[in-house]
N, C-alpha and C. Protein backbone atom coordinates (compact mmCIF):
# COMPACT_ATOMS: atom_id res chain seq x y z
N MET A 1 66.25 111.84 109.19
CA MET A 1 67.42 112.43 108.72
C MET A 1 68.46 111.88 110.02
N ARG A 2 67.86 111.90 111.11
CA ARG A 2 69.03 111.83 112.08
C ARG A 2 69.29 110.30 112.35
N VAL A 3 68.58 109.41 111.95
CA VAL A 3 68.71 107.68 111.93
C VAL A 3 69.64 107.55 110.79
N PHE A 4 69.46 108.36 109.74
CA PHE A 4 70.34 108.05 108.33
C PHE A 4 71.98 108.53 108.61
N PHE A 5 71.84 109.63 109.73
CA PHE A 5 73.37 110.29 109.90
C PHE A 5 74.04 109.23 110.94
N HIS A 6 73.42 108.83 111.91
CA HIS A 6 73.98 107.80 113.03
C HIS A 6 74.35 106.49 112.16
N THR A 7 73.64 106.01 111.02
CA THR A 7 73.70 104.62 110.48
C THR A 7 75.05 105.24 109.67
N ALA A 8 75.24 106.41 108.93
CA ALA A 8 76.34 106.49 108.10
C ALA A 8 77.75 106.79 108.88
N VAL A 9 77.54 107.40 110.09
CA VAL A 9 78.68 107.26 110.99
C VAL A 9 79.18 106.11 111.45
N LEU A 10 78.19 105.27 111.92
CA LEU A 10 78.52 104.13 112.19
C LEU A 10 79.12 103.10 111.19
N PHE A 11 78.66 103.24 110.04
CA PHE A 11 79.25 102.36 108.61
C PHE A 11 80.49 102.99 108.59
N LEU A 12 80.70 104.43 108.61
CA LEU A 12 82.06 104.87 108.42
C LEU A 12 83.20 104.43 109.34
N THR A 13 82.62 104.27 110.67
CA THR A 13 83.38 103.82 111.68
C THR A 13 83.91 102.62 111.75
N VAL A 14 82.97 101.52 111.40
CA VAL A 14 83.22 100.30 110.99
C VAL A 14 84.41 99.93 109.86
N PHE A 15 83.98 100.95 108.86
CA PHE A 15 84.81 100.62 107.80
C PHE A 15 86.28 101.01 107.86
N CYS A 16 86.46 102.13 108.77
CA CYS A 16 87.77 102.60 109.16
C CYS A 16 88.46 101.65 110.01
N LEU A 17 87.92 100.91 111.02
CA LEU A 17 88.24 99.90 111.63
C LEU A 17 88.85 98.37 111.00
N TYR A 18 87.92 98.33 109.94
CA TYR A 18 88.35 97.05 109.29
C TYR A 18 89.37 97.39 108.66
N LEU A 19 89.69 98.47 107.91
CA LEU A 19 90.95 98.91 107.17
C LEU A 19 91.88 98.98 107.98
N ALA A 20 92.09 99.18 109.33
CA ALA A 20 93.13 99.41 110.07
C ALA A 20 93.48 98.01 110.44
N TRP A 21 92.35 97.17 111.00
CA TRP A 21 92.63 95.80 111.33
C TRP A 21 93.47 95.02 110.25
N THR A 22 92.69 95.09 108.88
CA THR A 22 93.63 94.53 108.06
C THR A 22 94.91 94.53 107.61
N GLY A 23 95.29 95.80 107.72
CA GLY A 23 96.66 96.33 107.53
C GLY A 23 97.63 95.82 108.61
N PHE A 24 96.98 95.80 110.02
CA PHE A 24 97.71 95.29 111.23
C PHE A 24 97.97 93.77 110.84
N ILE A 25 97.06 92.99 110.42
CA ILE A 25 97.08 91.36 110.39
C ILE A 25 97.97 91.09 108.84
N GLU A 26 97.96 92.31 108.11
CA GLU A 26 99.11 91.70 106.75
C GLU A 26 100.60 92.03 107.37
N LYS A 27 100.55 93.00 108.27
CA LYS A 27 101.99 93.38 108.50
C LYS A 27 102.24 92.32 109.67
N GLU A 28 101.43 91.73 110.58
CA GLU A 28 102.03 90.79 111.56
C GLU A 28 102.40 89.47 110.54
N LEU A 29 101.61 89.25 109.73
CA LEU A 29 101.88 87.73 109.09
C LEU A 29 102.71 87.83 107.99
N THR A 30 103.42 89.18 107.49
CA THR A 30 104.57 89.06 106.56
C THR A 30 105.90 88.83 107.29
N VAL A 31 106.43 87.45 106.44
CA VAL A 31 107.62 87.40 107.25
C VAL A 31 108.93 86.97 105.95
N ASN A 32 109.97 87.75 105.87
CA ASN A 32 110.89 87.21 105.00
C ASN A 32 111.73 86.23 105.37
N THR A 33 111.92 85.39 104.31
CA THR A 33 113.22 84.22 104.66
C THR A 33 114.45 84.63 104.11
N LEU A 34 115.36 84.14 104.78
CA LEU A 34 116.95 83.93 104.02
C LEU A 34 117.21 82.85 104.17
N SER A 35 118.08 82.36 103.14
CA SER A 35 118.86 80.92 103.40
C SER A 35 120.26 81.11 102.61
N GLY A 36 120.98 80.58 103.24
CA GLY A 36 122.39 80.34 102.72
C GLY A 36 123.47 79.70 103.53
N GLU A 37 124.65 79.81 103.24
CA GLU A 37 125.99 78.97 103.98
C GLU A 37 126.35 80.24 104.84
N ILE A 38 126.58 79.87 106.12
CA ILE A 38 127.15 80.55 107.01
C ILE A 38 128.77 80.96 106.55
N MET A 39 129.13 81.87 106.10
CA MET A 39 130.56 82.04 105.60
C MET A 39 131.37 82.63 106.89
N GLU A 40 130.70 83.27 107.73
CA GLU A 40 131.72 84.03 108.75
C GLU A 40 130.71 84.52 110.03
N LYS A 41 131.21 84.02 111.03
CA LYS A 41 130.66 84.35 112.45
C LYS A 41 131.48 85.49 113.13
N ILE A 42 131.11 86.58 113.26
CA ILE A 42 131.60 87.79 114.01
C ILE A 42 131.12 87.97 115.34
N ARG A 43 132.00 88.15 116.39
CA ARG A 43 131.69 88.57 117.63
C ARG A 43 132.35 89.73 118.07
N GLU A 44 131.64 90.95 118.10
CA GLU A 44 132.32 92.16 118.47
C GLU A 44 131.75 92.85 119.75
N ASP A 45 132.35 93.33 120.61
CA ASP A 45 132.21 94.01 121.87
C ASP A 45 131.60 95.66 121.60
N SER A 46 130.71 95.94 121.97
CA SER A 46 129.97 96.92 121.99
C SER A 46 130.13 97.88 123.24
N ILE A 47 130.78 99.04 123.40
CA ILE A 47 130.79 99.83 124.74
C ILE A 47 129.67 100.88 124.79
N ALA A 48 128.76 100.95 125.73
CA ALA A 48 128.00 101.70 126.01
C ALA A 48 128.42 102.36 127.20
N GLU A 49 128.44 103.87 127.15
CA GLU A 49 128.82 104.81 127.86
C GLU A 49 127.44 105.65 128.34
N THR A 50 127.18 105.68 129.73
CA THR A 50 126.08 106.09 130.46
C THR A 50 126.74 106.77 131.77
N GLY A 51 127.09 108.34 131.56
CA GLY A 51 127.51 108.94 132.49
C GLY A 51 128.81 108.51 132.94
N ILE A 52 128.93 107.96 134.27
CA ILE A 52 130.11 107.34 134.66
C ILE A 52 130.19 105.85 134.55
N ASN A 53 129.27 105.30 134.06
CA ASN A 53 129.05 104.00 133.96
C ASN A 53 129.38 103.56 132.65
N VAL A 54 130.15 102.43 132.67
CA VAL A 54 130.84 102.00 131.01
C VAL A 54 130.35 100.34 131.03
N GLN A 55 129.47 100.30 130.06
CA GLN A 55 128.91 98.98 129.94
C GLN A 55 129.59 97.99 128.80
N LYS A 56 130.05 97.04 128.78
CA LYS A 56 130.47 95.84 127.55
C LYS A 56 129.33 95.08 127.14
N LYS A 57 128.97 95.23 125.83
CA LYS A 57 127.78 94.25 125.46
C LYS A 57 128.61 93.50 124.40
N ALA A 58 128.04 92.16 124.06
CA ALA A 58 128.51 91.55 123.07
C ALA A 58 127.59 91.53 121.88
N VAL A 59 128.08 91.95 120.82
CA VAL A 59 127.24 91.97 119.34
C VAL A 59 127.42 90.66 118.67
N TYR A 60 126.81 89.76 118.21
CA TYR A 60 126.85 88.59 117.42
C TYR A 60 126.36 89.06 116.23
N ARG A 61 127.31 88.82 114.94
CA ARG A 61 126.78 89.00 113.70
C ARG A 61 126.92 87.68 112.90
N VAL A 62 126.34 87.45 111.83
CA VAL A 62 126.51 86.42 110.66
C VAL A 62 126.77 87.11 109.49
N ARG A 63 127.43 86.50 108.53
CA ARG A 63 127.40 86.60 107.22
C ARG A 63 127.27 85.40 106.43
N LEU A 64 126.17 85.45 105.51
CA LEU A 64 125.77 84.35 104.70
C LEU A 64 126.32 84.53 103.27
N SER A 65 126.47 83.40 102.90
CA SER A 65 127.04 83.29 101.29
C SER A 65 126.29 84.31 100.32
N THR A 66 125.39 84.99 100.66
CA THR A 66 124.59 85.77 99.55
C THR A 66 125.11 87.17 100.02
N GLY A 67 126.02 87.23 100.99
CA GLY A 67 126.63 88.63 101.21
C GLY A 67 126.02 89.44 102.49
N LYS A 68 124.92 88.90 102.79
CA LYS A 68 124.11 89.80 103.89
C LYS A 68 124.71 89.44 105.21
N VAL A 69 124.92 90.70 105.88
CA VAL A 69 125.32 90.37 107.46
C VAL A 69 124.55 91.32 108.16
N PHE A 70 123.95 90.21 108.97
CA PHE A 70 122.97 91.09 110.06
C PHE A 70 123.33 90.44 111.66
N ALA A 71 122.76 90.90 112.37
CA ALA A 71 122.75 90.53 113.91
C ALA A 71 122.07 89.50 114.45
N VAL A 72 122.49 88.61 115.10
CA VAL A 72 121.63 87.44 115.60
C VAL A 72 121.71 87.48 117.07
N SER A 73 120.86 86.77 117.92
CA SER A 73 120.90 86.63 119.26
C SER A 73 122.32 85.65 119.66
N SER A 74 122.44 85.66 120.79
CA SER A 74 123.60 84.64 121.11
C SER A 74 123.39 83.16 121.15
N SER A 75 121.94 82.94 121.21
CA SER A 75 121.68 81.38 120.95
C SER A 75 121.65 80.85 119.81
N VAL A 76 121.40 81.85 118.85
CA VAL A 76 121.50 81.39 117.54
C VAL A 76 122.91 81.54 117.11
N PHE A 77 123.82 82.41 117.46
CA PHE A 77 125.14 82.20 117.23
C PHE A 77 125.90 81.40 117.64
N GLU A 78 125.45 80.56 118.91
CA GLU A 78 126.11 79.34 119.29
C GLU A 78 125.98 78.21 118.59
N ARG A 79 124.31 78.21 118.12
CA ARG A 79 123.89 77.12 117.45
C ARG A 79 124.55 77.05 116.09
N VAL A 80 124.63 77.72 115.30
CA VAL A 80 125.18 77.69 113.83
C VAL A 80 126.58 77.68 113.64
N GLU A 81 127.11 76.78 112.76
CA GLU A 81 128.36 76.67 112.67
C GLU A 81 128.96 77.01 111.25
N LYS A 82 130.15 77.69 111.21
CA LYS A 82 130.84 78.02 109.67
C LYS A 82 130.71 77.06 108.81
N GLY A 83 129.99 77.45 107.52
CA GLY A 83 129.81 76.62 106.56
C GLY A 83 128.77 75.57 106.60
N GLU A 84 127.86 75.93 107.59
CA GLU A 84 126.54 75.28 107.75
C GLU A 84 125.51 76.06 106.85
N ASN A 85 124.65 75.27 106.08
CA ASN A 85 123.27 75.68 105.29
C ASN A 85 122.34 76.06 106.32
N VAL A 86 121.77 77.40 106.37
CA VAL A 86 120.47 77.57 107.40
C VAL A 86 119.71 78.58 106.63
N GLN A 87 118.72 78.59 107.19
CA GLN A 87 117.50 79.34 106.88
C GLN A 87 116.96 80.31 107.94
N PHE A 88 116.96 81.52 107.83
CA PHE A 88 116.56 82.50 108.61
C PHE A 88 115.35 83.27 108.33
N ALA A 89 114.14 83.69 109.18
CA ALA A 89 113.16 84.44 109.13
C ALA A 89 113.30 85.69 109.49
N GLU A 90 112.97 86.90 109.02
CA GLU A 90 113.28 88.08 109.16
C GLU A 90 112.04 88.66 109.47
N LYS A 91 111.57 89.41 110.50
CA LYS A 91 110.47 90.13 111.19
C LYS A 91 110.83 91.33 111.93
N ASP A 92 110.52 92.49 111.43
CA ASP A 92 110.72 93.85 111.99
C ASP A 92 112.29 93.93 112.56
N LYS A 93 113.14 93.58 111.39
CA LYS A 93 114.70 93.66 111.64
C LYS A 93 115.18 92.67 112.67
N HIS A 94 114.24 91.98 113.11
CA HIS A 94 114.82 90.66 113.84
C HIS A 94 115.06 89.19 113.13
N PHE A 95 116.25 88.66 113.65
CA PHE A 95 116.17 87.37 112.48
C PHE A 95 116.29 86.49 113.55
N TYR A 96 115.15 85.38 113.15
CA TYR A 96 115.33 84.13 113.73
C TYR A 96 115.69 82.65 113.14
N LEU A 97 116.34 81.86 113.60
CA LEU A 97 116.81 80.78 112.76
C LEU A 97 115.86 79.74 112.72
N ILE A 98 115.54 79.18 111.61
CA ILE A 98 114.41 78.28 111.38
C ILE A 98 115.18 77.00 111.43
N ASP A 99 114.86 75.95 112.23
CA ASP A 99 115.55 74.64 112.28
C ASP A 99 114.36 73.90 112.21
N GLY A 100 114.21 73.00 111.07
CA GLY A 100 113.00 72.04 110.99
C GLY A 100 111.76 72.76 111.24
N ARG A 101 111.04 72.31 112.25
CA ARG A 101 109.74 72.87 112.38
C ARG A 101 109.66 73.99 113.82
N LYS A 102 111.00 74.18 114.12
CA LYS A 102 111.31 75.11 115.39
C LYS A 102 112.01 76.29 114.74
N ILE A 103 111.52 77.53 115.52
CA ILE A 103 112.10 78.72 115.22
C ILE A 103 112.86 79.13 116.67
N ILE A 104 114.18 79.75 116.44
CA ILE A 104 114.89 79.56 117.51
C ILE A 104 115.22 81.49 117.70
N TYR A 105 114.88 81.80 118.60
CA TYR A 105 115.04 83.41 118.74
C TYR A 105 116.36 83.58 119.43
């Protein structure tokens, strides 16, 4: 009886680990793509106040022809031009530029 109990607990543990691992892998490999023409490039200054310190940080946004507006990194913002047809990959609310076979962060 004891061997059966240990075997059942081991099987249940391995099964739970398998389910957790497959969910993790599926989440990591899921990427949404957006494509369209750059309609507008928006640069905004965001001010963060922490106590007596005031910091100014630039926020870069891009508007696609599909109407979607999202924040991108400064390197992506500098690389794309208005009117250019581009493709972006979205992963965990971060947008990356797909340029040929390269992904630009």
